[in-house]
Amino acid sequence: MGAPRPAVATDGTLPAMEPDAELLRRLRAGDERAFVALVERYNGSMLRLALSFVPSRAIAEEVVQDTWLAALLGLAAFEGRSSLKTWLFSILVNRARSAGVRESRSFPVADAGPVVDASRFGPGGAWVSPPEHWIEEAESRVDALKLTGLLRGAIDGLPGRQREVVLLRDVEGLTSAEVCSVLAISEANQRVLLHRGRGKLRQVLEAELGGSR
């Protein structure tokens, strides 16, 4: 039996996404549909994160399944001090590490390769200006699907911790504090890793769009 489809309003629009807090309340009350909704919401994100720790998709799927089981068993102990998403990701990271399915991660200061000039990023870590020709010419010069594949490949090619930070910040939308909590790293390390990861992605984009300098 497939997962229940969301009801459609009379005007044809879908209802607003149910907040995590409400799904959590329903789940604690024994509503299995709330668990289905949570899996639909976060399973893909969890699998992407697991893939950054383990050598194969099969192992990543096992880690994700183990994480869901651990979350269900530990539900009563969750006090809500972090968001539900952060809590799930923290469990996943701990499970992946304790399973010993990934080689030792390098300390961030040991990451090889040149660092992009810090002046190209603002205080918050975002680009001061986008890659050259990005706004005016990207659509005509690079097919959207090709660019998506390029970015995915570039992210996959980042060193371990850089990849994890970029995934959590720029793909999953976690805050700096949440990333530090999930990965058990300091704010300073998070900034360095994010800066270097974004810099390498920018270099890939600029090379593809003809704007490297």
Protein backbone atom coordinates (compact mmCIF):
# COMPACT_ATOMS: atom_id res chain seq x y z
CA MET A 1 0.00 0.00 0.00
CA GLY A 2 1.41 3.39 -0.97
CA ALA A 3 1.77 6.37 1.30
CA PRO A 4 -1.38 8.48 1.69
CA ARG A 5 -1.66 11.38 -0.74
CA PRO A 6 -2.15 14.88 0.68
CA ALA A 7 -5.68 16.17 0.40
CA VAL A 8 -6.31 18.81 -2.26
CA ALA A 9 -8.40 21.85 -1.45
CA THR A 10 -11.42 22.82 -3.53
CA ASP A 11 -9.36 25.47 -5.32
CA GLY A 12 -6.86 22.83 -6.41
CA THR A 13 -4.04 23.88 -4.06
CA LEU A 14 -2.19 21.61 -1.68
CA PRO A 15 -2.36 22.27 2.07
CA ALA A 16 0.62 23.82 3.84
CA MET A 17 3.27 21.35 4.98
CA GLU A 18 2.53 20.09 8.46
CA PRO A 19 5.13 21.36 10.96
CA ASP A 20 7.60 18.87 12.38
CA ALA A 21 6.33 19.62 15.88
CA GLU A 22 2.83 18.49 14.95
CA LEU A 23 4.13 15.34 13.25
CA LEU A 24 6.17 14.63 16.36
CA ARG A 25 3.10 15.06 18.57
CA ARG A 26 1.09 12.69 16.38
CA LEU A 27 3.90 10.16 16.28
CA ARG A 28 4.15 10.11 20.06
CA ALA A 29 0.40 9.54 20.15
CA GLY A 30 0.87 6.41 18.05
CA ASP A 31 -0.15 7.78 14.64
CA GLU A 32 1.76 5.67 12.09
CA ARG A 33 0.87 8.10 9.29
CA ALA A 34 2.98 10.74 11.02
CA PHE A 35 6.00 8.44 10.76
CA VAL A 36 5.30 7.89 7.05
CA ALA A 37 5.17 11.66 6.57
CA LEU A 38 8.50 12.15 8.36
CA VAL A 39 10.16 9.44 6.28
CA GLU A 40 8.87 11.07 3.08
CA ARG A 41 10.16 14.44 4.27
CA TYR A 42 13.65 13.50 5.42
CA ASN A 43 14.67 10.11 4.02
CA GLY A 44 16.19 11.59 0.85
CA SER A 45 18.19 14.17 2.80
CA MET A 46 19.40 11.53 5.24
CA LEU A 47 20.48 9.26 2.41
CA ARG A 48 22.46 12.08 0.78
CA LEU A 49 24.22 12.79 4.06
CA ALA A 50 24.91 9.10 4.71
CA LEU A 51 26.49 8.77 1.27
CA SER A 52 29.13 11.30 2.32
CA PHE A 53 30.28 8.91 5.06
CA VAL A 54 30.08 5.46 3.49
CA PRO A 55 31.49 3.82 0.34
CA SER A 56 28.24 2.58 -1.23
CA ARG A 57 24.55 3.33 -1.55
CA ALA A 58 23.65 -0.03 -0.02
CA ILE A 59 25.55 0.78 3.17
CA ALA A 60 24.09 4.29 3.21
CA GLU A 61 20.57 2.86 3.05
CA GLU A 62 21.38 0.54 5.96
CA VAL A 63 22.64 3.51 7.99
CA VAL A 64 19.44 5.45 7.23
CA GLN A 65 17.24 2.51 8.22
CA ASP A 66 19.23 2.10 11.42
CA THR A 67 18.80 5.81 12.11
CA TRP A 68 15.00 5.63 11.76
CA LEU A 69 14.91 2.66 14.13
CA ALA A 70 17.11 4.45 16.65
CA ALA A 71 14.91 7.55 16.39
CA LEU A 72 11.77 5.55 17.10
CA LEU A 73 13.38 3.82 20.06
CA GLY A 74 14.73 7.11 21.41
CA LEU A 75 11.64 9.20 20.75
CA ALA A 76 10.68 9.45 24.41
CA ALA A 77 14.11 10.87 25.25
CA PHE A 78 13.94 13.64 22.62
CA GLU A 79 13.45 16.87 24.58
CA GLY A 80 13.20 19.26 21.65
CA ARG A 81 16.35 21.20 22.48
CA SER A 82 17.22 21.04 18.79
CA SER A 83 15.02 20.79 15.73
CA LEU A 84 13.74 17.34 14.82
CA LYS A 85 15.76 17.46 11.60
CA THR A 86 18.97 18.26 13.47
CA TRP A 87 18.27 15.45 15.93
CA LEU A 88 17.75 12.93 13.13
CA PHE A 89 20.91 14.05 11.33
CA SER A 90 22.90 13.81 14.57
CA ILE A 91 21.75 10.22 15.08
CA LEU A 92 22.64 9.41 11.48
CA VAL A 93 26.15 10.84 11.76
CA ASN A 94 26.79 8.95 15.00
CA ARG A 95 25.50 5.70 13.50
CA ALA A 96 27.66 6.07 10.41
CA ARG A 97 30.77 6.78 12.46
CA SER A 98 30.21 4.02 15.03
CA ALA A 99 29.58 1.47 12.29
CA GLY A 100 33.13 2.01 11.08
CA VAL A 101 32.03 2.18 7.46
CA ARG A 102 34.02 5.18 6.50
CA GLU A 103 37.75 5.88 6.56
CA SER A 104 39.12 8.37 9.04
CA ARG A 105 38.20 11.94 8.27
CA SER A 106 40.97 14.49 7.87
CA PHE A 107 41.25 17.48 10.16
CA PRO A 108 40.18 20.59 8.25
CA VAL A 109 43.48 22.45 8.44
CA ALA A 110 45.13 19.54 6.65
CA ASP A 111 42.90 19.79 3.57
CA ALA A 112 45.06 20.13 0.51
CA GLY A 113 44.63 22.58 -2.32
CA PRO A 114 44.60 26.37 -2.65
CA VAL A 115 42.02 28.44 -0.83
CA VAL A 116 40.00 30.98 -2.82
CA ASP A 117 40.73 34.60 -1.96
CA ALA A 118 38.72 35.44 1.15
CA SER A 119 37.74 38.82 -0.32
CA ARG A 120 35.40 37.00 -2.74
CA PHE A 121 33.14 36.03 0.19
CA GLY A 122 31.12 38.22 2.53
CA PRO A 123 31.07 37.99 6.35
CA GLY A 124 28.31 35.38 6.21
CA GLY A 125 30.22 33.14 3.82
CA ALA A 126 28.17 33.92 0.69
CA TRP A 127 29.75 35.07 -2.57
CA VAL A 128 30.22 38.84 -2.82
CA SER A 129 29.46 38.47 -6.52
CA PRO A 130 28.31 35.37 -8.42
CA PRO A 131 30.60 33.63 -10.93
CA GLU A 132 31.19 35.76 -14.02
CA HIS A 133 28.39 35.52 -16.60
CA TRP A 134 26.27 33.48 -14.18
CA ILE A 135 23.24 35.75 -14.21
CA GLU A 136 23.21 36.87 -17.85
CA GLU A 137 24.51 33.86 -19.74
CA ALA A 138 24.14 30.70 -17.68
CA GLU A 139 20.77 29.73 -19.14
CA SER A 140 21.95 30.10 -22.73
CA ARG A 141 25.38 28.54 -22.25
CA VAL A 142 24.81 25.62 -19.91
CA ASP A 143 21.80 23.35 -19.86
CA ALA A 144 20.20 23.25 -16.40
CA LEU A 145 20.45 19.49 -16.08
CA LYS A 146 24.10 19.53 -17.10
CA LEU A 147 24.84 22.21 -14.52
CA THR A 148 23.02 20.25 -11.81
CA GLY A 149 25.07 17.18 -12.66
CA LEU A 150 28.24 19.25 -12.62
CA LEU A 151 27.50 20.59 -9.15
CA ARG A 152 26.60 17.17 -7.80
CA GLY A 153 29.85 15.77 -9.13
CA ALA A 154 31.80 18.70 -7.70
CA ILE A 155 30.20 18.24 -4.27
CA ASP A 156 30.93 14.51 -4.36
CA GLY A 157 34.56 15.33 -5.14
CA LEU A 158 35.08 17.59 -2.13
CA PRO A 159 37.14 16.31 0.81
CA GLY A 160 34.97 14.57 3.40
CA ARG A 161 34.32 17.28 5.93
CA GLN A 162 33.99 20.02 3.32
CA ARG A 163 31.39 17.90 1.53
CA GLU A 164 29.43 17.29 4.72
CA VAL A 165 29.36 20.96 5.70
CA VAL A 166 28.38 22.12 2.21
CA LEU A 167 25.64 19.48 2.01
CA LEU A 168 24.18 20.46 5.37
CA ARG A 169 24.44 24.22 4.87
CA ASP A 170 23.73 24.71 1.17
CA VAL A 171 21.67 21.65 0.24
CA GLU A 172 19.76 20.87 3.43
CA GLY A 173 19.57 24.45 4.71
CA LEU A 174 20.84 23.89 8.24
CA THR A 175 22.18 26.85 10.19
CA SER A 176 25.81 27.15 11.22
CA ALA A 177 24.94 26.18 14.80
CA GLU A 178 22.98 23.16 13.64
CA VAL A 179 25.85 21.94 11.46
CA CYS A 180 28.26 22.28 14.38
CA SER A 181 25.88 20.23 16.51
CA VAL A 182 25.35 17.50 13.91
CA LEU A 183 29.03 17.10 13.03
CA ALA A 184 30.42 17.88 16.50
CA ILE A 185 32.80 20.54 15.18
CA SER A 186 33.59 24.06 16.31
CA GLU A 187 32.17 27.19 14.73
CA ALA A 188 35.65 28.13 13.51
CA ASN A 189 36.13 24.77 11.79
CA GLN A 190 32.69 25.02 10.24
CA ARG A 191 33.53 28.41 8.74
CA VAL A 192 36.83 27.17 7.32
CA LEU A 193 35.27 24.05 5.82
CA LEU A 194 32.34 25.95 4.33
CA HIS A 195 34.63 28.61 2.87
CA ARG A 196 36.94 26.06 1.25
CA GLY A 197 34.11 23.89 -0.02
CA ARG A 198 32.23 26.80 -1.55
CA GLY A 199 35.44 28.12 -3.04
CA LYS A 200 36.13 24.85 -4.84
CA LEU A 201 32.56 24.71 -6.13
CA ARG A 202 32.88 28.26 -7.39
CA GLN A 203 36.05 27.36 -9.25
CA VAL A 204 34.22 24.50 -10.97
CA LEU A 205 31.35 26.80 -11.98
CA GLU A 206 33.61 29.53 -13.23
CA ALA A 207 35.67 27.08 -15.27
CA GLU A 208 32.48 25.70 -16.85
CA LEU A 209 31.01 29.14 -17.52
CA GLY A 210 34.24 30.57 -18.88
CA GLY A 211 34.72 32.98 -16.00
CA SER A 212 37.71 31.58 -14.16
CA ARG A 213 40.45 34.08 -13.50
